[in-house]
Amino acid sequence: GHKPMGRRAGAVAAAHLPEMYEQKGLETIVAGMKREFRNSFEFEHTMAGESVEMTFSPCALCKVVRDAGHEVGKAVLCEIFHEYWAGLLSAYTGTSYRCEVPKAGDVCELRRSPAR
């Protein structure tokens, strides 16, 4: 399916950004991701323990998905994007993260928490 492919793509991409593996601590890793992707996907984040909420405002994919006639947040492209970020975070931290999408649209919120 496309969700495992998105997650795997994130893990593969993480391997090509070795400087991120040198980071210690979840906050430092997420700040590094924010810095690394700032020219492509800007986001804000909040943290609670090992959980991370990322807010993309505006969502870079929203217009593309809408113009294609698909539902934002449920389109295959959206789901691959969500899993890509989960794959990145999982690879950087060594912890498997699950993905929830509490809000999708012009502003998208992605919630990551350890899968247990």
PDB file of N, CA and C in Angstrom:
ATOM      1  N   GLY A   1       0.815  -1.194   0.000  1.00  0.00           N
ATOM      2  CA  GLY A   1       0.000   0.000   0.000  1.00  0.00           C
ATOM      3  C   GLY A   1       0.854   1.252   0.000  1.00  0.00           C
ATOM      4  N   HIS A   2       0.186   2.347  -0.149  1.00  0.00           N
ATOM      5  CA  HIS A   2       0.899   3.620  -0.248  1.00  0.00           C
ATOM      6  C   HIS A   2       1.364   4.165   1.105  1.00  0.00           C
ATOM      7  N   LYS A   3       0.691   3.829   2.206  1.00  0.00           N
ATOM      8  CA  LYS A   3       1.144   4.322   3.510  1.00  0.00           C
ATOM      9  C   LYS A   3       2.507   3.739   3.895  1.00  0.00           C
ATOM     10  N   PRO A   4       2.699   2.421   3.794  1.00  0.00           N
ATOM     11  CA  PRO A   4       4.040   1.888   4.092  1.00  0.00           C
ATOM     12  C   PRO A   4       5.118   2.446   3.157  1.00  0.00           C
ATOM     13  N   MET A   5       4.740   2.720   1.906  1.00  0.00           N
ATOM     14  CA  MET A   5       5.696   3.296   0.970  1.00  0.00           C
ATOM     15  C   MET A   5       6.115   4.692   1.439  1.00  0.00           C
ATOM     16  N   GLY A   6       5.152   5.496   1.888  1.00  0.00           N
ATOM     17  CA  GLY A   6       5.471   6.832   2.388  1.00  0.00           C
ATOM     18  C   GLY A   6       6.384   6.782   3.599  1.00  0.00           C
ATOM     19  N   ARG A   7       6.080   5.856   4.509  1.00  0.00           N
ATOM     20  CA  ARG A   7       6.896   5.701   5.716  1.00  0.00           C
ATOM     21  C   ARG A   7       8.318   5.265   5.344  1.00  0.00           C
ATOM     22  N   ARG A   8       8.412   4.318   4.429  1.00  0.00           N
ATOM     23  CA  ARG A   8       9.726   3.834   3.987  1.00  0.00           C
ATOM     24  C   ARG A   8      10.510   4.957   3.299  1.00  0.00           C
ATOM     25  N   ALA A   9       9.827   5.766   2.502  1.00  0.00           N
ATOM     26  CA  ALA A   9      10.489   6.888   1.829  1.00  0.00           C
ATOM     27  C   ALA A   9      11.080   7.852   2.852  1.00  0.00           C
ATOM     28  N   GLY A  10      10.360   8.093   3.943  1.00  0.00           N
ATOM     29  CA  GLY A  10      10.885   8.950   5.003  1.00  0.00           C
ATOM     30  C   GLY A  10      12.119   8.359   5.649  1.00  0.00           C
ATOM     31  N   ALA A  11      12.088   7.055   5.892  1.00  0.00           N
ATOM     32  CA  ALA A  11      13.241   6.382   6.499  1.00  0.00           C
ATOM     33  C   ALA A  11      14.446   6.418   5.563  1.00  0.00           C
ATOM     34  N   VAL A  12      14.223   6.211   4.274  1.00  0.00           N
ATOM     35  CA  VAL A  12      15.315   6.257   3.297  1.00  0.00           C
ATOM     36  C   VAL A  12      15.881   7.675   3.217  1.00  0.00           C
ATOM     37  N   ALA A  13      15.000   8.682   3.193  1.00  0.00           N
ATOM     38  CA  ALA A  13      15.463  10.072   3.139  1.00  0.00           C
ATOM     39  C   ALA A  13      16.295  10.402   4.378  1.00  0.00           C
ATOM     40  N   ALA A  14      15.879   9.898   5.524  1.00  0.00           N
ATOM     41  CA  ALA A  14      16.607  10.169   6.766  1.00  0.00           C
ATOM     42  C   ALA A  14      18.048   9.668   6.684  1.00  0.00           C
ATOM     43  N   ALA A  15      18.233   8.549   6.029  1.00  0.00           N
ATOM     44  CA  ALA A  15      19.583   7.991   5.897  1.00  0.00           C
ATOM     45  C   ALA A  15      20.505   8.902   5.095  1.00  0.00           C
ATOM     46  N   HIS A  16      19.937   9.782   4.290  1.00  0.00           N
ATOM     47  CA  HIS A  16      20.726  10.701   3.471  1.00  0.00           C
ATOM     48  C   HIS A  16      20.945  12.044   4.149  1.00  0.00           C
ATOM     49  N   LEU A  17      20.498  12.155   5.382  1.00  0.00           N
ATOM     50  CA  LEU A  17      20.693  13.373   6.166  1.00  0.00           C
ATOM     51  C   LEU A  17      21.379  12.982   7.475  1.00  0.00           C
ATOM     52  N   PRO A  18      22.620  12.476   7.391  1.00  0.00           N
ATOM     53  CA  PRO A  18      23.275  11.911   8.572  1.00  0.00           C
ATOM     54  C   PRO A  18      23.480  12.899   9.706  1.00  0.00           C
ATOM     55  N   GLU A  19      23.567  14.179   9.401  1.00  0.00           N
ATOM     56  CA  GLU A  19      23.775  15.152  10.468  1.00  0.00           C
ATOM     57  C   GLU A  19      22.628  15.130  11.480  1.00  0.00           C
ATOM     58  N   MET A  20      21.467  14.693  11.053  1.00  0.00           N
ATOM     59  CA  MET A  20      20.333  14.623  11.964  1.00  0.00           C
ATOM     60  C   MET A  20      20.532  13.523  13.000  1.00  0.00           C
ATOM     61  N   TYR A  21      21.194  12.434  12.628  1.00  0.00           N
ATOM     62  CA  TYR A  21      21.418  11.331  13.564  1.00  0.00           C
ATOM     63  C   TYR A  21      22.345  11.738  14.708  1.00  0.00           C
ATOM     64  N   GLU A  22      23.135  12.769  14.477  1.00  0.00           N
ATOM     65  CA  GLU A  22      24.056  13.227  15.509  1.00  0.00           C
ATOM     66  C   GLU A  22      23.332  13.995  16.605  1.00  0.00           C
ATOM     67  N   GLN A  23      22.104  14.409  16.339  1.00  0.00           N
ATOM     68  CA  GLN A  23      21.330  15.179  17.304  1.00  0.00           C
ATOM     69  C   GLN A  23      20.871  14.278  18.441  1.00  0.00           C
ATOM     70  N   LYS A  24      20.749  14.850  19.608  1.00  0.00           N
ATOM     71  CA  LYS A  24      20.259  14.115  20.764  1.00  0.00           C
ATOM     72  C   LYS A  24      19.028  14.818  21.313  1.00  0.00           C
ATOM     73  N   GLY A  25      18.052  14.045  21.626  1.00  0.00           N
ATOM     74  CA  GLY A  25      16.839  14.592  22.218  1.00  0.00           C
ATOM     75  C   GLY A  25      15.805  14.937  21.159  1.00  0.00           C
ATOM     76  N   LEU A  26      14.564  14.647  21.474  1.00  0.00           N
ATOM     77  CA  LEU A  26      13.469  14.840  20.522  1.00  0.00           C
ATOM     78  C   LEU A  26      13.328  16.298  20.091  1.00  0.00           C
ATOM     79  N   GLU A  27      13.395  17.231  21.016  1.00  0.00           N
ATOM     80  CA  GLU A  27      13.253  18.653  20.683  1.00  0.00           C
ATOM     81  C   GLU A  27      14.336  19.080  19.692  1.00  0.00           C
ATOM     82  N   THR A  28      15.559  18.646  19.899  1.00  0.00           N
ATOM     83  CA  THR A  28      16.666  19.003  19.003  1.00  0.00           C
ATOM     84  C   THR A  28      16.468  18.386  17.622  1.00  0.00           C
ATOM     85  N   ILE A  29      15.986  17.150  17.591  1.00  0.00           N
ATOM     86  CA  ILE A  29      15.739  16.473  16.312  1.00  0.00           C
ATOM     87  C   ILE A  29      14.644  17.184  15.530  1.00  0.00           C
ATOM     88  N   VAL A  30      13.541  17.529  16.190  1.00  0.00           N
ATOM     89  CA  VAL A  30      12.436  18.213  15.500  1.00  0.00           C
ATOM     90  C   VAL A  30      12.883  19.596  15.037  1.00  0.00           C
ATOM     91  N   ALA A  31      13.653  20.296  15.848  1.00  0.00           N
ATOM     92  CA  ALA A  31      14.178  21.608  15.433  1.00  0.00           C
ATOM     93  C   ALA A  31      15.078  21.446  14.209  1.00  0.00           C
ATOM     94  N   GLY A  32      15.860  20.374  14.163  1.00  0.00           N
ATOM     95  CA  GLY A  32      16.706  20.104  13.003  1.00  0.00           C
ATOM     96  C   GLY A  32      15.887  19.803  11.756  1.00  0.00           C
ATOM     97  N   MET A  33      14.799  19.047  11.921  1.00  0.00           N
ATOM     98  CA  MET A  33      13.903  18.763  10.790  1.00  0.00           C
ATOM     99  C   MET A  33      13.299  20.072  10.274  1.00  0.00           C
ATOM    100  N   LYS A  34      12.892  20.919  11.191  1.00  0.00           N
ATOM    101  CA  LYS A  34      12.301  22.209  10.824  1.00  0.00           C
ATOM    102  C   LYS A  34      13.301  23.041  10.018  1.00  0.00           C
ATOM    103  N   ARG A  35      14.531  23.058  10.476  1.00  0.00           N
ATOM    104  CA  ARG A  35      15.591  23.804   9.787  1.00  0.00           C
ATOM    105  C   ARG A  35      15.897  23.185   8.419  1.00  0.00           C
ATOM    106  N   GLU A  36      15.995  21.862   8.372  1.00  0.00           N
ATOM    107  CA  GLU A  36      16.350  21.156   7.135  1.00  0.00           C
ATOM    108  C   GLU A  36      15.303  21.349   6.034  1.00  0.00           C
ATOM    109  N   PHE A  37      14.033  21.392   6.396  1.00  0.00           N
ATOM    110  CA  PHE A  37      12.958  21.458   5.400  1.00  0.00           C
ATOM    111  C   PHE A  37      12.322  22.834   5.277  1.00  0.00           C
ATOM    112  N   ARG A  38      12.922  23.845   5.868  1.00  0.00           N
ATOM    113  CA  ARG A  38      12.314  25.182   5.920  1.00  0.00           C
ATOM    114  C   ARG A  38      12.017  25.781   4.549  1.00  0.00           C
ATOM    115  N   ASN A  39      12.765  25.413   3.529  1.00  0.00           N
ATOM    116  CA  ASN A  39      12.517  25.975   2.199  1.00  0.00           C
ATOM    117  C   ASN A  39      11.479  25.190   1.402  1.00  0.00           C
ATOM    118  N   SER A  40      11.022  24.077   1.948  1.00  0.00           N
ATOM    119  CA  SER A  40      10.028  23.252   1.255  1.00  0.00           C
ATOM    120  C   SER A  40       8.725  23.141   2.033  1.00  0.00           C
ATOM    121  N   PHE A  41       8.831  22.796   3.303  1.00  0.00           N
ATOM    122  CA  PHE A  41       7.653  22.567   4.135  1.00  0.00           C
ATOM    123  C   PHE A  41       7.859  23.234   5.478  1.00  0.00           C
ATOM    124  N   GLU A  42       7.327  24.429   5.618  1.00  0.00           N
ATOM    125  CA  GLU A  42       7.455  25.129   6.889  1.00  0.00           C
ATOM    126  C   GLU A  42       6.390  24.624   7.848  1.00  0.00           C
ATOM    127  N   PHE A  43       6.784  24.460   9.107  1.00  0.00           N
ATOM    128  CA  PHE A  43       5.833  24.031  10.116  1.00  0.00           C
ATOM    129  C   PHE A  43       6.222  24.565  11.483  1.00  0.00           C
ATOM    130  N   GLU A  44       5.241  24.639  12.344  1.00  0.00           N
ATOM    131  CA  GLU A  44       5.453  24.934  13.753  1.00  0.00           C
ATOM    132  C   GLU A  44       5.230  23.632  14.493  1.00  0.00           C
ATOM    133  N   HIS A  45       5.759  23.525  15.683  1.00  0.00           N
ATOM    134  CA  HIS A  45       5.552  22.292  16.433  1.00  0.00           C
ATOM    135  C   HIS A  45       5.388  22.562  17.918  1.00  0.00           C
ATOM    136  N   THR A  46       4.684  21.657  18.559  1.00  0.00           N
ATOM    137  CA  THR A  46       4.578  21.638  20.010  1.00  0.00           C
ATOM    138  C   THR A  46       4.874  20.219  20.455  1.00  0.00           C
ATOM    139  N   MET A  47       5.306  20.100  21.694  1.00  0.00           N
ATOM    140  CA  MET A  47       5.654  18.779  22.195  1.00  0.00           C
ATOM    141  C   MET A  47       5.024  18.554  23.561  1.00  0.00           C
ATOM    142  N   ALA A  48       4.686  17.299  23.805  1.00  0.00           N
ATOM    143  CA  ALA A  48       4.201  16.868  25.106  1.00  0.00           C
ATOM    144  C   ALA A  48       4.812  15.496  25.354  1.00  0.00           C
ATOM    145  N   GLY A  49       5.843  15.446  26.172  1.00  0.00           N
ATOM    146  CA  GLY A  49       6.548  14.185  26.391  1.00  0.00           C
ATOM    147  C   GLY A  49       7.206  13.726  25.109  1.00  0.00           C
ATOM    148  N   GLU A  50       6.869  12.521  24.660  1.00  0.00           N
ATOM    149  CA  GLU A  50       7.432  11.974  23.430  1.00  0.00           C
ATOM    150  C   GLU A  50       6.546  12.234  22.218  1.00  0.00           C
ATOM    151  N   SER A  51       5.462  12.966  22.398  1.00  0.00           N
ATOM    152  CA  SER A  51       4.549  13.264  21.289  1.00  0.00           C
ATOM    153  C   SER A  51       4.892  14.614  20.675  1.00  0.00           C
ATOM    154  N   VAL A  52       4.715  14.694  19.369  1.00  0.00           N
ATOM    155  CA  VAL A  52       5.010  15.921  18.630  1.00  0.00           C
ATOM    156  C   VAL A  52       3.810  16.259  17.762  1.00  0.00           C
ATOM    157  N   GLU A  53       3.347  17.506  17.845  1.00  0.00           N
ATOM    158  CA  GLU A  53       2.304  17.976  16.940  1.00  0.00           C
ATOM    159  C   GLU A  53       2.936  18.994  16.005  1.00  0.00           C
ATOM    160  N   MET A  54       2.768  18.745  14.709  1.00  0.00           N
ATOM    161  CA  MET A  54       3.330  19.616  13.682  1.00  0.00           C
ATOM    162  C   MET A  54       2.171  20.304  12.970  1.00  0.00           C
ATOM    163  N   THR A  55       2.261  21.626  12.824  1.00  0.00           N
ATOM    164  CA  THR A  55       1.226  22.392  12.141  1.00  0.00           C
ATOM    165  C   THR A  55       1.832  23.033  10.900  1.00  0.00           C
ATOM    166  N   PHE A  56       1.301  22.642   9.750  1.00  0.00           N
ATOM    167  CA  PHE A  56       1.728  23.193   8.460  1.00  0.00           C
ATOM    168  C   PHE A  56       0.710  24.253   8.062  1.00  0.00           C
ATOM    169  N   SER A  57       1.140  25.522   8.069  1.00  0.00           N
ATOM    170  CA  SER A  57       0.225  26.621   7.767  1.00  0.00           C
ATOM    171  C   SER A  57       0.956  27.652   6.918  1.00  0.00           C
ATOM    172  N   PRO A  58       0.652  27.697   5.640  1.00  0.00           N
ATOM    173  CA  PRO A  58      -0.335  26.881   4.933  1.00  0.00           C
ATOM    174  C   PRO A  58       0.239  25.505   4.588  1.00  0.00           C
ATOM    175  N   CYS A  59      -0.652  24.573   4.364  1.00  0.00           N
ATOM    176  CA  CYS A  59      -0.241  23.248   3.915  1.00  0.00           C
ATOM    177  C   CYS A  59       0.195  23.363   2.451  1.00  0.00           C
ATOM    178  N   ALA A  60       1.413  22.922   2.172  1.00  0.00           N
ATOM    179  CA  ALA A  60       1.970  23.050   0.821  1.00  0.00           C
ATOM    180  C   ALA A  60       1.253  22.181  -0.205  1.00  0.00           C
ATOM    181  N   LEU A  61       0.567  21.129   0.233  1.00  0.00           N
ATOM    182  CA  LEU A  61      -0.089  20.211  -0.698  1.00  0.00           C
ATOM    183  C   LEU A  61      -1.572  20.503  -0.904  1.00  0.00           C
ATOM    184  N   CYS A  62      -2.144  21.315  -0.051  1.00  0.00           N
ATOM    185  CA  CYS A  62      -3.587  21.548  -0.057  1.00  0.00           C
ATOM    186  C   CYS A  62      -4.123  21.950  -1.433  1.00  0.00           C
ATOM    187  N   LYS A  63      -3.528  22.953  -2.054  1.00  0.00           N
ATOM    188  CA  LYS A  63      -4.012  23.430  -3.346  1.00  0.00           C
ATOM    189  C   LYS A  63      -3.890  22.357  -4.424  1.00  0.00           C
ATOM    190  N   VAL A  64      -2.768  21.649  -4.420  1.00  0.00           N
ATOM    191  CA  VAL A  64      -2.552  20.591  -5.409  1.00  0.00           C
ATOM    192  C   VAL A  64      -3.628  19.522  -5.286  1.00  0.00           C
ATOM    193  N   VAL A  65      -3.902  19.115  -4.066  1.00  0.00           N
ATOM    194  CA  VAL A  65      -4.894  18.066  -3.814  1.00  0.00           C
ATOM    195  C   VAL A  65      -6.288  18.547  -4.199  1.00  0.00           C
ATOM    196  N   ARG A  66      -6.644  19.754  -3.801  1.00  0.00           N
ATOM    197  CA  ARG A  66      -7.969  20.312  -4.147  1.00  0.00           C
ATOM    198  C   ARG A  66      -8.124  20.456  -5.661  1.00  0.00           C
ATOM    199  N   ASP A  67      -7.089  20.989  -6.308  1.00  0.00           N
ATOM    200  CA  ASP A  67      -7.160  21.181  -7.764  1.00  0.00           C
ATOM    201  C   ASP A  67      -7.326  19.859  -8.505  1.00  0.00           C
ATOM    202  N   ALA A  68      -6.841  18.772  -7.907  1.00  0.00           N
ATOM    203  CA  ALA A  68      -6.994  17.448  -8.522  1.00  0.00           C
ATOM    204  C   ALA A  68      -8.364  16.838  -8.212  1.00  0.00           C
ATOM    205  N   GLY A  69      -9.153  17.542  -7.400  1.00  0.00           N
ATOM    206  CA  GLY A  69     -10.498  17.077  -7.084  1.00  0.00           C
ATOM    207  C   GLY A  69     -10.563  16.059  -5.962  1.00  0.00           C
ATOM    208  N   HIS A  70      -9.521  16.019  -5.135  1.00  0.00           N
ATOM    209  CA  HIS A  70      -9.480  15.047  -4.047  1.00  0.00           C
ATOM    210  C   HIS A  70      -9.735  15.734  -2.705  1.00  0.00           C
ATOM    211  N   GLU A  71     -10.083  14.949  -1.708  1.00  0.00           N
ATOM    212  CA  GLU A  71     -10.339  15.477  -0.369  1.00  0.00           C
ATOM    213  C   GLU A  71      -9.015  15.656   0.375  1.00  0.00           C
ATOM    214  N   VAL A  72      -8.786  16.868   0.831  1.00  0.00           N
ATOM    215  CA  VAL A  72      -7.560  17.175   1.565  1.00  0.00           C
ATOM    216  C   VAL A  72      -7.546  16.367   2.864  1.00  0.00           C
ATOM    217  N   GLY A  73      -6.424  15.733   3.106  1.00  0.00           N
ATOM    218  CA  GLY A  73      -6.252  14.921   4.302  1.00  0.00           C
ATOM    219  C   GLY A  73      -6.497  13.446   4.065  1.00  0.00           C
ATOM    220  N   LYS A  74      -7.338  13.118   3.084  1.00  0.00           N
ATOM    221  CA  LYS A  74      -7.661  11.721   2.788  1.00  0.00           C
ATOM    222  C   LYS A  74      -7.097  11.260   1.442  1.00  0.00           C
ATOM    223  N   ALA A  75      -6.616  12.195   0.644  1.00  0.00           N
ATOM    224  CA  ALA A  75      -6.044  11.860  -0.662  1.00  0.00           C
ATOM    225  C   ALA A  75      -4.778  11.029  -0.478  1.00  0.00           C
ATOM    226  N   VAL A  76      -4.467  10.202  -1.463  1.00  0.00           N
ATOM    227  CA  VAL A  76      -3.266   9.367  -1.404  1.00  0.00           C
ATOM    228  C   VAL A  76      -2.024  10.235  -1.185  1.00  0.00           C
ATOM    229  N   LEU A  77      -1.922  11.362  -1.874  1.00  0.00           N
ATOM    230  CA  LEU A  77      -0.763  12.241  -1.718  1.00  0.00           C
ATOM    231  C   LEU A  77      -0.639  12.713  -0.271  1.00  0.00           C
ATOM    232  N   CYS A  78      -1.749  13.071   0.353  1.00  0.00           N
ATOM    233  CA  CYS A  78      -1.729  13.501   1.754  1.00  0.00           C
ATOM    234  C   CYS A  78      -1.249  12.370   2.661  1.00  0.00           C
ATOM    235  N   GLU A  79      -1.797  11.193   2.458  1.00  0.00           N
ATOM    236  CA  GLU A  79      -1.436  10.061   3.315  1.00  0.00           C
ATOM    237  C   GLU A  79       0.040   9.688   3.167  1.00  0.00           C
ATOM    238  N   ILE A  80       0.560   9.765   1.953  1.00  0.00           N
ATOM    239  CA  ILE A  80       1.985   9.503   1.747  1.00  0.00           C
ATOM    240  C   ILE A  80       2.820  10.558   2.467  1.00  0.00           C
ATOM    241  N   PHE A  81       2.413  11.817   2.372  1.00  0.00           N
ATOM    242  CA  PHE A  81       3.106  12.923   3.040  1.00  0.00           C
ATOM    243  C   PHE A  81       3.112  12.718   4.556  1.00  0.00           C
ATOM    244  N   HIS A  82       1.974  12.361   5.118  1.00  0.00           N
ATOM    245  CA  HIS A  82       1.877  12.143   6.565  1.00  0.00           C
ATOM    246  C   HIS A  82       2.818  11.028   7.009  1.00  0.00           C
ATOM    247  N   GLU A  83       2.810   9.937   6.273  1.00  0.00           N
ATOM    248  CA  GLU A  83       3.651   8.793   6.622  1.00  0.00           C
ATOM    249  C   GLU A  83       5.132   9.078   6.382  1.00  0.00           C
ATOM    250  N   TYR A  84       5.428   9.918   5.395  1.00  0.00           N
ATOM    251  CA  TYR A  84       6.820  10.318   5.135  1.00  0.00           C
ATOM    252  C   TYR A  84       7.404  10.982   6.374  1.00  0.00           C
ATOM    253  N   TRP A  85       6.663  11.918   6.954  1.00  0.00           N
ATOM    254  CA  TRP A  85       7.132  12.611   8.151  1.00  0.00           C
ATOM    255  C   TRP A  85       7.255  11.652   9.328  1.00  0.00           C
ATOM    256  N   ALA A  86       6.331  10.696   9.440  1.00  0.00           N
ATOM    257  CA  ALA A  86       6.424   9.687  10.502  1.00  0.00           C
ATOM    258  C   ALA A  86       7.678   8.830  10.298  1.00  0.00           C
ATOM    259  N   GLY A  87       7.973   8.490   9.050  1.00  0.00           N
ATOM    260  CA  GLY A  87       9.175   7.714   8.737  1.00  0.00           C
ATOM    261  C   GLY A  87      10.454   8.462   9.081  1.00  0.00           C
ATOM    262  N   LEU A  88      10.491   9.752   8.770  1.00  0.00           N
ATOM    263  CA  LEU A  88      11.651  10.577   9.122  1.00  0.00           C
ATOM    264  C   LEU A  88      11.862  10.583  10.625  1.00  0.00           C
ATOM    265  N   LEU A  89      10.806  10.918  11.356  1.00  0.00           N
ATOM    266  CA  LEU A  89      10.905  11.037  12.804  1.00  0.00           C
ATOM    267  C   LEU A  89      11.280   9.694  13.432  1.00  0.00           C
ATOM    268  N   SER A  90      10.692   8.627  12.941  1.00  0.00           N
ATOM    269  CA  SER A  90      11.000   7.296  13.472  1.00  0.00           C
ATOM    270  C   SER A  90      12.465   6.944  13.236  1.00  0.00           C
ATOM    271  N   ALA A  91      12.970   7.238  12.059  1.00  0.00           N
ATOM    272  CA  ALA A  91      14.370   6.933  11.746  1.00  0.00           C
ATOM    273  C   ALA A  91      15.326   7.774  12.593  1.00  0.00           C
ATOM    274  N   TYR A  92      15.020   9.043  12.761  1.00  0.00           N
ATOM    275  CA  TYR A  92      15.900   9.922  13.531  1.00  0.00           C
ATOM    276  C   TYR A  92      15.948   9.567  15.008  1.00  0.00           C
ATOM    277  N   THR A  93      14.823   9.106  15.548  1.00  0.00           N
ATOM    278  CA  THR A  93      14.749   8.852  16.989  1.00  0.00           C
ATOM    279  C   THR A  93      14.982   7.396  17.368  1.00  0.00           C
ATOM    280  N   GLY A  94      14.813   6.488  16.418  1.00  0.00           N
ATOM    281  CA  GLY A  94      14.907   5.070  16.724  1.00  0.00           C
ATOM    282  C   GLY A  94      13.654   4.535  17.393  1.00  0.00           C
ATOM    283  N   THR A  95      12.590   5.324  17.384  1.00  0.00           N
ATOM    284  CA  THR A  95      11.301   4.946  17.971  1.00  0.00           C
ATOM    285  C   THR A  95      10.247   4.967  16.878  1.00  0.00           C
ATOM    286  N   SER A  96       9.427   3.947  16.808  1.00  0.00           N
ATOM    287  CA  SER A  96       8.362   3.925  15.807  1.00  0.00           C
ATOM    288  C   SER A  96       7.251   4.882  16.231  1.00  0.00           C
ATOM    289  N   TYR A  97       6.911   5.818  15.342  1.00  0.00           N
ATOM    290  CA  TYR A  97       5.866   6.807  15.616  1.00  0.00           C
ATOM    291  C   TYR A  97       4.632   6.524  14.772  1.00  0.00           C
ATOM    292  N   ARG A  98       3.475   6.683  15.386  1.00  0.00           N
ATOM    293  CA  ARG A  98       2.219   6.583  14.639  1.00  0.00           C
ATOM    294  C   ARG A  98       1.766   7.996  14.290  1.00  0.00           C
ATOM    295  N   CYS A  99       0.898   8.069  13.312  1.00  0.00           N
ATOM    296  CA  CYS A  99       0.468   9.360  12.781  1.00  0.00           C
ATOM    297  C   CYS A  99      -1.038   9.524  12.924  1.00  0.00           C
ATOM    298  N   GLU A 100      -1.453  10.669  13.445  1.00  0.00           N
ATOM    299  CA  GLU A 100      -2.857  11.061  13.473  1.00  0.00           C
ATOM    300  C   GLU A 100      -2.956  12.426  12.805  1.00  0.00           C
ATOM    301  N   VAL A 101      -4.089  12.676  12.170  1.00  0.00           N
ATOM    302  CA  VAL A 101      -4.309  13.951  11.490  1.00  0.00           C
ATOM    303  C   VAL A 101      -5.580  14.579  12.071  1.00  0.00           C
ATOM    304  N   PRO A 102      -5.438  15.369  13.146  1.00  0.00           N
ATOM    305  CA  PRO A 102      -6.624  15.966  13.756  1.00  0.00           C
ATOM    306  C   PRO A 102      -7.269  17.064  12.907  1.00  0.00           C
ATOM    307  N   LYS A 103      -6.484  17.661  11.997  1.00  0.00           N
ATOM    308  CA  LYS A 103      -7.023  18.753  11.175  1.00  0.00           C
ATOM    309  C   LYS A 103      -6.352  18.717   9.811  1.00  0.00           C
ATOM    310  N   ALA A 104      -7.150  18.801   8.750  1.00  0.00           N
ATOM    311  CA  ALA A 104      -6.614  18.827   7.381  1.00  0.00           C
ATOM    312  C   ALA A 104      -7.327  19.915   6.597  1.00  0.00           C
ATOM    313  N   GLY A 105      -6.582  20.644   5.817  1.00  0.00           N
ATOM    314  CA  GLY A 105      -7.138  21.736   5.016  1.00  0.00           C
ATOM    315  C   GLY A 105      -6.041  22.732   4.727  1.00  0.00           C
ATOM    316  N   ASP A 106      -6.404  24.007   4.679  1.00  0.00           N
ATOM    317  CA  ASP A 106      -5.391  25.037   4.455  1.00  0.00           C
ATOM    318  C   ASP A 106      -4.321  24.979   5.541  1.00  0.00           C
ATOM    319  N   VAL A 107      -4.758  24.607   6.743  1.00  0.00           N
ATOM    320  CA  VAL A 107      -3.852  24.348   7.854  1.00  0.00           C
ATOM    321  C   VAL A 107      -3.975  22.862   8.169  1.00  0.00           C
ATOM    322  N   CYS A 108      -2.857  22.161   8.179  1.00  0.00           N
ATOM    323  CA  CYS A 108      -2.865  20.734   8.509  1.00  0.00           C
ATOM    324  C   CYS A 108      -2.101  20.516   9.797  1.00  0.00           C
ATOM    325  N   GLU A 109      -2.673  19.691  10.666  1.00  0.00           N
ATOM    326  CA  GLU A 109      -2.024  19.321  11.913  1.00  0.00           C
ATOM    327  C   GLU A 109      -1.734  17.830  11.879  1.00  0.00           C
ATOM    328  N   LEU A 110      -0.515  17.480  12.159  1.00  0.00           N
ATOM    329  CA  LEU A 110      -0.090  16.087  12.221  1.00  0.00           C
ATOM    330  C   LEU A 110       0.382  15.810  13.636  1.00  0.00           C
ATOM    331  N   ARG A 111      -0.193  14.798  14.263  1.00  0.00           N
ATOM    332  CA  ARG A 111       0.200  14.411  15.615  1.00  0.00           C
ATOM    333  C   ARG A 111       0.987  13.114  15.546  1.00  0.00           C
ATOM    334  N   ARG A 112       2.182  13.128  16.110  1.00  0.00           N
ATOM    335  CA  ARG A 112       3.040  11.955  16.142  1.00  0.00           C
ATOM    336  C   ARG A 112       3.199  11.514  17.584  1.00  0.00           C
ATOM    337  N   SER A 113       2.977  10.248  17.826  1.00  0.00           N
ATOM    338  CA  SER A 113       3.211   9.710  19.163  1.00  0.00           C
ATOM    339  C   SER A 113       3.781   8.301  19.008  1.00  0.00           C
ATOM    340  N   PRO A 114       4.593   7.884  19.977  1.00  0.00           N
ATOM    341  CA  PRO A 114       5.211   6.554  19.871  1.00  0.00           C
ATOM    342  C   PRO A 114       4.161   5.456  19.754  1.00  0.00           C
ATOM    343  N   ALA A 115       4.404   4.518  18.863  1.00  0.00           N
ATOM    344  CA  ALA A 115       3.518   3.370  18.697  1.00  0.00           C
ATOM    345  C   ALA A 115       3.912   2.344  19.749  1.00  0.00           C
ATOM    346  N   ARG A 116       2.981   2.004  20.596  1.00  0.00           N
ATOM    347  CA  ARG A 116       3.288   1.038  21.678  1.00  0.00           C
ATOM    348  C   ARG A 116       2.216   0.011  21.752  1.00  0.00           C
TER     349      ARG A 116
END
